[in-house]
Protein backbone atom coordinates (compact mmCIF):
# COMPACT_ATOMS: atom_id res chain seq x y z
CA MET A 1 -0.24 0.10 0.05
CA THR A 2 1.00 3.44 -0.90
CA THR A 3 0.10 6.34 1.08
CA TYR A 4 -0.12 9.94 0.04
CA GLU A 5 -1.01 13.01 2.43
CA ASN A 6 -4.68 12.48 1.79
CA PHE A 7 -5.15 9.19 -0.04
CA LYS A 8 -4.32 5.52 0.64
CA PHE A 9 -3.17 3.87 -2.77
CA GLU A 10 -2.90 -0.08 -3.17
CA VAL A 11 -3.20 -2.49 -5.96
CA ASP A 12 -5.26 -6.29 -5.82
CA GLY A 13 -3.86 -9.27 -7.95
CA ASP A 14 -5.94 -8.36 -10.40
CA GLY A 15 -4.53 -4.98 -11.27
CA ILE A 16 -6.82 -3.03 -10.05
CA ALA A 17 -5.84 -0.02 -8.29
CA LEU A 18 -7.49 1.05 -4.67
CA VAL A 19 -7.46 4.60 -3.97
CA THR A 20 -9.44 5.70 -0.80
CA TRP A 21 -9.64 9.37 -0.46
CA ASP A 22 -9.35 9.88 3.65
CA MET A 23 -8.23 13.44 4.57
CA PRO A 24 -6.71 13.46 8.10
CA ASN A 25 -7.70 15.33 11.04
CA ARG A 26 -11.41 16.15 9.09
CA SER A 27 -14.76 14.47 9.61
CA MET A 28 -15.18 15.19 5.53
CA ASN A 29 -13.02 14.98 2.46
CA VAL A 30 -12.94 18.43 0.56
CA LEU A 31 -11.16 19.78 -2.33
CA SER A 32 -8.36 21.60 -1.25
CA GLN A 33 -4.84 22.35 -2.45
CA SER A 34 -3.09 19.48 -1.02
CA SER A 35 -5.73 17.06 -2.15
CA MET A 36 -5.78 17.55 -5.57
CA ALA A 37 -1.69 17.56 -5.64
CA ASP A 38 -2.16 14.52 -4.20
CA MET A 39 -4.88 13.59 -7.06
CA ALA A 40 -2.02 14.45 -9.82
CA SER A 41 0.28 12.29 -8.86
CA ILE A 42 -2.07 9.55 -8.23
CA ILE A 43 -3.42 9.71 -12.38
CA GLU A 44 0.09 10.10 -13.27
CA LYS A 45 0.85 6.57 -11.40
CA ILE A 46 -2.15 4.99 -12.84
CA MET A 47 -1.11 6.00 -16.50
CA SER A 48 2.03 4.93 -16.05
CA ASP A 49 2.27 1.75 -14.42
CA ASP A 50 1.24 -1.03 -16.27
CA ALA A 51 0.54 -3.56 -13.58
CA ILE A 52 -2.81 -0.99 -13.49
CA LYS A 53 -5.18 -1.69 -15.29
CA GLY A 54 -8.18 0.43 -13.63
CA ALA A 55 -8.95 1.78 -10.71
CA VAL A 56 -11.94 2.25 -8.13
CA LEU A 57 -11.77 5.58 -6.26
CA THR A 58 -14.00 5.65 -3.07
CA SER A 59 -13.64 7.41 0.76
CA GLY A 60 -12.63 6.52 3.91
CA LYS A 61 -14.96 8.75 5.23
CA ASP A 62 -19.12 8.40 6.03
CA ALA A 63 -19.30 10.71 3.15
CA PHE A 64 -17.57 10.62 -0.44
CA CYS A 65 -16.71 14.34 -0.87
CA ALA A 66 -18.37 17.54 0.49
CA GLY A 67 -16.71 19.73 -2.53
CA ALA A 68 -14.38 22.72 -2.75
CA ASP A 69 -13.27 24.39 0.65
CA LEU A 70 -15.38 27.21 0.97
CA SER A 71 -13.68 29.23 3.18
CA MET A 72 -10.92 29.44 1.09
CA MET A 73 -12.81 30.61 -1.55
CA GLY A 74 -14.59 33.24 0.17
CA GLY A 75 -11.04 34.65 0.49
CA GLN A 76 -10.69 34.88 -2.75
CA ALA A 77 -14.69 35.92 -3.90
CA GLY A 78 -15.24 39.49 -4.91
CA GLY A 79 -11.79 40.40 -6.32
CA SER A 80 -9.75 40.42 -2.59
CA GLY A 81 -6.06 39.31 -2.77
CA GLU A 82 -2.86 40.93 -2.83
CA GLY A 83 -1.56 41.84 -5.98
CA SER A 84 -3.09 43.73 -9.14
CA LYS A 85 -6.50 42.80 -9.87
CA GLU A 86 -5.33 41.43 -13.73
CA ASP A 87 -2.52 39.23 -11.73
CA ARG A 88 -5.50 38.14 -9.38
CA VAL A 89 -7.97 37.22 -12.06
CA LYS A 90 -5.25 35.47 -14.30
CA ALA A 91 -4.18 33.60 -11.12
CA MET A 92 -7.82 32.82 -10.05
CA TYR A 93 -8.24 31.33 -13.85
CA GLU A 94 -5.20 29.35 -14.26
CA GLY A 95 -5.67 27.40 -10.89
CA ASN A 96 -9.08 26.52 -11.75
CA LEU A 97 -8.54 25.26 -14.93
CA LYS A 98 -5.43 23.34 -13.80
CA PHE A 99 -7.96 21.22 -12.12
CA ASN A 100 -10.23 21.06 -14.60
CA MET A 101 -7.68 20.11 -16.82
CA LEU A 102 -6.89 17.54 -13.98
CA LEU A 103 -10.09 15.78 -14.25
CA ARG A 104 -9.67 15.90 -17.90
CA SER A 105 -6.42 13.65 -17.55
CA LEU A 106 -8.30 11.52 -15.33
CA GLU A 107 -10.96 10.63 -18.06
CA THR A 108 -8.59 10.05 -21.11
CA CYS A 109 -6.11 8.59 -18.62
CA GLY A 110 -6.70 5.28 -20.81
CA LYS A 111 -7.47 3.29 -18.15
CA PRO A 112 -10.90 2.61 -16.73
CA VAL A 113 -12.12 4.26 -13.45
CA ALA A 114 -14.66 3.79 -11.45
CA ALA A 115 -16.22 5.73 -8.83
CA ALA A 116 -17.83 4.06 -5.74
CA ILE A 117 -19.71 6.75 -4.14
CA ASN A 118 -20.12 5.63 -0.41
CA GLY A 119 -21.99 8.84 0.84
CA THR A 120 -22.86 12.35 -0.05
CA ALA A 121 -21.15 13.43 -2.88
CA LEU A 122 -21.61 17.21 -3.37
CA GLY A 123 -20.09 20.06 -6.11
CA GLY A 124 -16.81 19.27 -6.74
CA GLY A 125 -16.84 16.08 -5.08
CA LEU A 126 -19.89 15.15 -7.81
CA GLU A 127 -17.65 16.56 -10.49
CA VAL A 128 -14.56 14.41 -9.50
CA THR A 129 -16.71 11.50 -9.99
CA LEU A 130 -18.44 12.88 -12.95
CA ALA A 131 -15.01 12.54 -14.83
CA CYS A 132 -15.02 8.60 -14.06
CA HIS A 133 -16.09 6.22 -15.91
CA TYR A 134 -18.50 4.48 -13.87
CA ARG A 135 -20.32 5.56 -10.64
CA VAL A 136 -22.04 3.10 -8.14
CA VAL A 137 -23.57 5.40 -5.42
CA SER A 138 -24.04 3.37 -2.14
CA ASN A 139 -28.06 3.72 -1.01
CA LYS A 140 -27.26 5.02 2.35
CA PRO A 141 -29.76 7.03 4.26
CA LYS A 142 -29.39 10.80 3.99
CA THR A 143 -26.84 10.32 1.13
CA GLN A 144 -27.20 13.25 -1.10
CA ILE A 145 -25.44 13.96 -4.96
CA GLY A 146 -25.73 17.35 -6.56
CA LEU A 147 -24.13 20.31 -7.74
CA PRO A 148 -25.42 22.90 -4.64
CA GLU A 149 -22.87 25.92 -5.75
CA ALA A 150 -25.66 28.21 -7.26
CA LYS A 151 -27.21 28.44 -3.89
CA VAL A 152 -24.16 30.29 -2.75
CA GLY A 153 -23.84 32.56 -5.61
CA LEU A 154 -21.39 29.80 -7.67
CA LEU A 155 -21.28 27.86 -10.43
CA PRO A 156 -19.81 24.01 -10.62
CA GLY A 157 -16.23 25.14 -11.31
CA GLY A 158 -15.20 21.77 -11.74
CA GLY A 159 -16.73 20.47 -15.22
CA GLY A 160 -19.98 20.26 -13.96
CA THR A 161 -21.58 22.72 -16.08
CA GLN A 162 -20.31 20.61 -19.18
CA ARG A 163 -20.40 17.16 -18.15
CA LEU A 164 -23.71 16.06 -17.15
CA PRO A 165 -25.48 17.76 -19.81
CA ARG A 166 -23.52 15.47 -21.71
CA LEU A 167 -24.70 13.19 -19.90
CA ILE A 168 -27.90 13.06 -19.16
CA GLY A 169 -28.91 16.06 -21.77
CA ALA A 170 -29.47 19.90 -21.02
CA GLN A 171 -33.11 19.94 -20.39
CA ALA A 172 -32.47 17.22 -17.22
CA ALA A 173 -29.11 19.00 -16.18
CA LEU A 174 -30.18 22.35 -16.19
CA PRO A 175 -32.60 22.36 -13.48
CA LEU A 176 -30.25 20.49 -11.00
CA ILE A 177 -27.47 22.94 -11.56
CA LEU A 178 -29.68 26.47 -11.36
CA GLN A 179 -31.62 25.08 -8.67
CA GLY A 180 -28.60 23.18 -6.92
CA THR A 181 -30.68 20.14 -6.23
CA ALA A 182 -29.46 17.19 -4.39
CA LEU A 183 -30.69 13.57 -5.30
CA THR A 184 -31.33 10.49 -3.35
CA PRO A 185 -28.91 7.58 -4.81
CA GLU A 186 -32.34 6.08 -6.22
CA LYS A 187 -33.09 9.31 -8.07
CA ALA A 188 -29.34 9.72 -9.24
CA VAL A 189 -29.57 6.70 -11.10
CA GLN A 190 -33.23 7.19 -12.23
CA SER A 191 -31.96 9.97 -13.53
CA GLY A 192 -28.37 8.38 -15.28
CA VAL A 193 -26.23 10.59 -12.91
CA CYS A 194 -25.03 7.45 -11.40
CA HIS A 195 -25.00 3.95 -12.89
CA LYS A 196 -25.50 1.39 -10.40
CA LEU A 197 -27.06 1.58 -6.65
CA ALA A 198 -25.24 -0.90 -4.19
CA GLU A 199 -26.32 -1.75 -0.77
CA PRO A 200 -23.85 -0.02 1.68
CA GLY A 201 -20.57 -1.37 1.77
CA GLU A 202 -21.06 -3.00 -1.21
CA GLU A 203 -20.08 -0.42 -3.70
CA VAL A 204 -16.40 -1.09 -4.37
CA ALA A 205 -17.32 -4.83 -4.93
CA ALA A 206 -19.68 -3.06 -7.45
CA ALA A 207 -17.32 -1.20 -8.83
CA LYS A 208 -14.53 -3.77 -9.40
CA ALA A 209 -16.84 -6.21 -10.85
CA TRP A 210 -17.96 -3.45 -13.60
CA LEU A 211 -13.82 -2.76 -14.40
CA LYS A 212 -13.30 -6.55 -14.53
CA GLU A 213 -16.40 -7.03 -17.06
CA GLY A 214 -14.96 -4.74 -18.99
CA LEU A 215 -11.61 -5.41 -19.19
CA ALA A 216 -12.71 -8.87 -20.29
CA GLN A 217 -13.77 -7.28 -23.22
CA PRO A 218 -11.54 -6.58 -26.17
CA LYS A 219 -9.79 -3.37 -26.84
CA ILE A 220 -10.77 -0.50 -29.96
CA LYS A 221 -9.33 2.06 -31.39
CA LEU A 222 -9.95 5.49 -30.31
CA GLY A 223 -10.61 7.58 -33.48
CA LYS A 224 -9.28 6.40 -36.84
CA LYS A 225 -5.26 7.17 -36.34
CA GLY A 226 -5.80 7.05 -32.39
CA PRO A 227 -4.84 4.16 -30.18
CA GLU A 228 -6.42 1.32 -28.69
CA VAL A 229 -7.85 1.31 -25.80
CA TYR A 230 -10.61 -0.36 -23.25
CA ALA A 231 -14.02 0.44 -24.55
CA ILE A 232 -15.26 1.11 -20.89
CA ALA A 233 -11.96 4.16 -20.45
CA VAL A 234 -13.65 6.13 -22.90
CA GLN A 235 -16.41 8.84 -21.98
CA PRO A 236 -19.33 9.16 -23.93
CA TRP A 237 -18.50 12.67 -25.36
CA ASP A 238 -15.00 11.18 -26.32
CA ARG A 239 -16.52 8.70 -28.57
CA GLU A 240 -16.70 9.21 -32.38
CA GLY A 241 -20.23 10.30 -33.80
CA TYR A 242 -21.36 11.25 -29.77
CA ARG A 243 -24.63 13.16 -29.74
CA VAL A 244 -26.00 15.16 -26.71
CA PRO A 245 -28.71 13.47 -25.35
CA GLY A 246 -31.84 15.34 -26.15
CA GLY A 247 -29.81 17.82 -28.95
CA ASP A 248 -27.15 20.06 -28.80
CA PRO A 249 -28.40 23.86 -28.63
CA HIS A 250 -29.13 24.53 -32.42
CA SER A 251 -31.38 21.46 -32.31
CA LYS A 252 -34.95 22.18 -32.66
CA GLY A 253 -35.23 20.19 -28.95
CA GLY A 254 -32.20 21.64 -27.67
CA GLY A 255 -33.19 25.22 -28.73
CA GLN A 256 -36.32 25.36 -26.90
CA VAL A 257 -34.73 24.19 -24.06
CA PHE A 258 -32.71 27.47 -23.98
CA THR A 259 -35.03 29.74 -25.08
CA ILE A 260 -38.14 28.65 -22.97
CA GLY A 261 -34.88 28.20 -19.88
CA ASN A 262 -33.77 31.82 -20.33
CA ALA A 263 -37.43 32.90 -19.99
CA THR A 264 -37.76 31.31 -17.19
CA LEU A 265 -35.13 31.71 -15.61
CA HIS A 266 -35.79 35.77 -16.10
CA LYS A 267 -39.03 35.19 -14.70
CA GLN A 268 -37.96 33.76 -11.62
CA THR A 269 -34.46 35.87 -10.90
CA HIS A 270 -35.30 39.36 -13.07
CA GLY A 271 -31.15 39.33 -13.56
CA ASN A 272 -30.33 39.49 -10.16
CA PHE A 273 -28.67 36.19 -9.46
CA PRO A 274 -25.22 36.28 -12.11
CA ALA A 275 -24.45 32.19 -10.85
CA GLN A 276 -28.02 31.35 -12.85
CA ARG A 277 -27.38 33.68 -15.78
CA TYR A 278 -23.71 32.33 -16.37
CA ILE A 279 -24.65 28.68 -15.78
CA MET A 280 -27.03 28.93 -18.49
CA SER A 281 -23.94 30.77 -20.77
CA CYS A 282 -21.98 27.68 -19.78
CA VAL A 283 -23.88 25.25 -20.76
CA TYR A 284 -25.50 26.85 -24.12
CA GLU A 285 -22.04 27.94 -25.67
CA GLY A 286 -19.91 24.93 -24.31
CA LEU A 287 -22.47 22.12 -25.66
CA GLN A 288 -21.32 23.58 -29.08
CA VAL A 289 -17.69 22.94 -28.72
CA PRO A 290 -15.42 19.94 -27.69
CA ILE A 291 -15.34 19.20 -24.23
CA GLU A 292 -11.95 21.04 -23.39
CA ALA A 293 -13.17 24.16 -25.14
CA GLY A 294 -15.86 24.01 -23.03
CA LEU A 295 -14.09 23.72 -19.87
CA ARG A 296 -12.02 26.73 -20.48
CA ILE A 297 -15.30 28.47 -21.04
CA GLU A 298 -16.65 27.44 -17.61
CA THR A 299 -13.33 28.50 -16.38
CA ARG A 300 -13.98 31.82 -17.85
CA TYR A 301 -17.53 32.14 -16.52
CA PHE A 302 -16.56 30.95 -12.94
CA THR A 303 -13.52 33.09 -12.52
CA LYS A 304 -15.79 36.04 -13.70
CA LEU A 305 -18.29 35.17 -11.46
CA LEU A 306 -15.81 34.70 -8.35
CA MET A 307 -14.51 38.45 -8.92
CA ASP A 308 -18.12 39.99 -8.07
CA PRO A 309 -18.50 41.51 -5.10
CA ARG A 310 -21.97 39.47 -4.95
CA SER A 311 -20.80 35.90 -5.13
CA LYS A 312 -18.45 36.65 -2.12
CA ALA A 313 -21.67 38.50 -0.01
CA MET A 314 -23.69 35.29 -0.93
CA ILE A 315 -20.77 32.89 0.08
CA ARG A 316 -20.47 34.46 3.35
CA SER A 317 -24.07 34.88 4.22
CA LEU A 318 -25.28 31.29 2.79
CA PHE A 319 -22.31 29.32 3.86
CA LEU A 320 -19.47 30.70 6.27
CA SER A 321 -21.85 32.44 8.84
CA MET A 322 -24.33 29.66 8.23
CA GLN A 323 -21.85 27.59 9.31
CA GLU A 324 -20.47 30.17 12.51
CA LEU A 325 -24.13 30.15 13.69
CA ALA A 326 -24.39 26.43 13.60
CA LYS A 327 -21.34 26.45 16.04
CA GLY A 328 -22.81 28.90 18.16
CA ALA A 329 -20.41 31.18 17.38
CA ARG A 330 -22.17 34.24 18.97
CA ARG A 331 -23.24 32.35 21.85
CA PRO A 332 -23.03 34.06 25.12
CA ALA A 333 -19.98 32.87 27.27
CA GLY A 334 -20.53 30.69 30.68
CA ILE A 335 -24.10 29.73 30.06
CA ALA A 336 -24.74 26.20 29.67
CA PRO A 337 -27.13 24.39 27.14
CA PHE A 338 -30.49 24.49 27.88
CA GLN A 339 -33.15 22.40 26.69
CA VAL A 340 -36.81 23.49 26.42
CA LYS A 341 -39.09 20.53 27.24
CA LYS A 342 -42.39 22.34 28.15
CA LEU A 343 -43.16 25.85 25.02
CA GLY A 344 -46.10 27.94 26.14
CA ILE A 345 -47.12 30.29 23.16
CA LEU A 346 -49.36 32.97 23.64
CA GLY A 347 -51.20 33.36 20.41
CA ALA A 348 -52.90 30.52 18.22
CA GLY A 349 -52.52 32.64 14.76
CA MET A 350 -50.52 31.89 12.03
CA MET A 351 -47.26 32.70 13.57
CA GLY A 352 -48.28 30.88 16.76
CA ALA A 353 -49.55 27.75 14.98
CA GLY A 354 -46.74 27.65 12.63
CA ILE A 355 -43.92 27.49 15.75
CA ALA A 356 -46.76 25.07 17.46
CA TYR A 357 -46.08 22.91 14.42
CA VAL A 358 -41.99 23.07 14.57
CA SER A 359 -41.81 22.90 18.34
CA ALA A 360 -43.66 19.60 18.50
CA GLN A 361 -41.77 18.06 15.59
CA ALA A 362 -38.79 18.65 17.86
CA GLY A 363 -40.61 16.62 20.69
CA MET A 364 -41.75 19.65 22.84
CA GLU A 365 -44.51 19.72 24.46
CA VAL A 366 -46.62 22.69 23.26
CA VAL A 367 -49.19 24.90 25.24
CA LEU A 368 -51.47 26.46 22.67
CA LEU A 369 -52.69 29.48 23.85
CA ASP A 370 -55.58 31.78 22.79
CA THR A 371 -58.25 34.12 23.94
CA ASP A 372 -60.63 31.71 22.40
CA GLN A 373 -60.85 27.93 22.19
CA ALA A 374 -62.35 27.70 18.73
CA ASN A 375 -59.22 29.76 17.61
CA ALA A 376 -56.70 27.75 19.78
CA GLU A 377 -58.21 24.72 18.22
CA LYS A 378 -57.51 26.42 14.61
CA GLY A 379 -54.24 26.97 15.65
CA LYS A 380 -53.87 23.32 15.87
CA ALA A 381 -55.32 22.25 12.93
CA TYR A 382 -52.72 23.96 10.93
CA SER A 383 -50.65 21.19 12.63
CA GLU A 384 -53.29 18.18 11.41
CA LYS A 385 -53.58 19.74 7.82
CA LEU A 386 -49.57 19.64 7.36
CA LEU A 387 -49.52 16.20 8.84
CA ASN A 388 -52.41 15.08 6.91
CA LYS A 389 -50.28 16.17 3.40
CA ALA A 390 -47.11 14.44 5.11
CA LEU A 391 -49.36 11.30 5.22
CA GLU A 392 -50.57 11.54 1.66
CA ARG A 393 -46.62 11.72 0.42
CA GLY A 394 -45.67 8.83 2.37
CA LYS A 395 -43.62 11.41 4.75
CA THR A 396 -44.37 10.30 7.88
CA THR A 397 -46.92 7.56 9.55
CA GLN A 398 -49.90 7.95 11.29
CA GLU A 399 -48.24 6.90 14.47
CA LYS A 400 -45.67 9.78 14.24
CA ALA A 401 -48.40 12.27 13.06
CA ASP A 402 -50.60 11.12 16.20
CA LYS A 403 -47.53 11.55 18.37
CA LEU A 404 -46.98 15.27 17.12
CA LEU A 405 -50.39 16.30 17.58
CA GLY A 406 -50.65 14.80 21.20
CA LEU A 407 -48.28 17.37 22.12
CA ILE A 408 -50.29 20.16 21.24
CA LYS A 409 -52.26 21.37 23.96
CA PRO A 410 -54.77 23.94 22.83
CA THR A 411 -56.04 26.14 25.18
CA THR A 412 -57.56 29.59 26.90
CA ASN A 413 -55.99 28.58 30.40
CA TYR A 414 -52.95 30.49 31.60
CA ASP A 415 -52.61 27.78 34.08
CA ASP A 416 -51.87 25.37 31.77
CA LEU A 417 -48.63 27.57 31.51
CA LYS A 418 -47.04 26.08 34.75
CA GLY A 419 -43.69 23.99 34.30
CA ALA A 420 -43.41 25.76 31.21
CA ASP A 421 -39.71 26.58 30.88
CA LEU A 422 -40.22 29.07 28.08
CA VAL A 423 -43.00 31.19 26.53
CA ILE A 424 -43.02 32.68 23.20
CA GLU A 425 -45.57 35.64 22.60
CA ALA A 426 -47.18 35.94 19.10
CA VAL A 427 -50.43 37.56 19.64
CA PHE A 428 -51.92 40.41 17.01
CA GLU A 429 -49.44 43.21 16.56
CA ASN A 430 -51.30 45.53 19.33
CA ARG A 431 -48.77 46.81 22.14
CA ASP A 432 -52.02 46.60 24.73
CA ILE A 433 -52.98 43.00 23.90
CA LYS A 434 -48.81 42.08 24.22
CA ALA A 435 -48.88 44.26 27.18
CA GLU A 436 -51.94 42.12 28.48
CA VAL A 437 -50.95 38.60 28.05
CA THR A 438 -47.52 39.07 29.16
CA LYS A 439 -48.98 40.32 32.21
CA LYS A 440 -51.31 37.57 32.65
CA ALA A 441 -48.55 34.75 31.63
CA GLU A 442 -45.76 35.84 34.14
CA PRO A 443 -47.16 34.16 37.38
CA GLN A 444 -46.88 31.32 35.97
CA LEU A 445 -43.13 31.33 34.91
CA ALA A 446 -42.05 32.43 38.59
């Protein structure tokens, strides 16, 4: 076994290399400078070592890869950094293009590479697997497969806007990229993003089985003057006669996708989100040229977007700040964590009813108090309505729904607030009414 800083590398008796991504001192793998440097060395070894017939890429973590290190990217966004703006743009473009060409070298290495996705693969993590020739995904609960960059003001910068549309067509790929939709493993296979579903722990074996089957087949000639390679080691878009599923942008079907897509996008965003606009441009322009030119187009738009101050603001607000919030960064020091077991809510209107529902979902006993019993019952009925919809969609069970509703007590009696750990005031916006209900509730909290 060969050990890199972020990967473990071993070759079995069949000549299949198992590459395990396992970054030290991290709960999840991310794309960083060091992991990409290791990846480059590993690809070179796979290409140059005649004893290696193919490779399986998997993860030593519970998830496959969470994508790029956005904390590092956040420092670059908005044109931040040292040196002139021109130098920063050039460095950003060349750095991202280097990663794109690294993945291009993976898919053109002449040997088949399968990704054994043992958990969540998002953003750059999924883009790495898209550069592999086959994808087996574990049917592990809570696994997510997707390109969420648009949600934080970015676009996929590792070939996602080029490979995904070439794989499943622009019509299917654009909603996933524009909305940052995450797929379940089953949906990922159904949509064609992944090839095979495997039980947890069996994804590596399934990937090796695919490799062995493909390696047993005769080699094919790549083009008229190209080398002989295994058929499974060639991406669909590198094959002679390849056509984009559903048609390219100039075909009748493909043209409609972009005409309707642009109109819908403008209606939804009013031109205020540059990431979505650039994603459309990446796909539209990229599908009209060979993939290497498409990757350069993507890199250009990615760099342009990263230089936009709006991107920096969105990365900070929607990702970095949310991480800090989850860690309790602003929590006052010296105060022990406190768990609310019983919650009182003053007012059973829209706000109070909504708070009651999410609080009961969290397992809290809820006292939903209003001046009129019928209004209090109506507030509880809101939770019942939501649960009925969830039951129809198979999102919950009758037992769970009954348990949740049993936690909500509609009442007009302030004595029911006794023992509450917390009381939330959610009555009509009238100062006199707010003062009155607060005064009545205070004695129950003594």
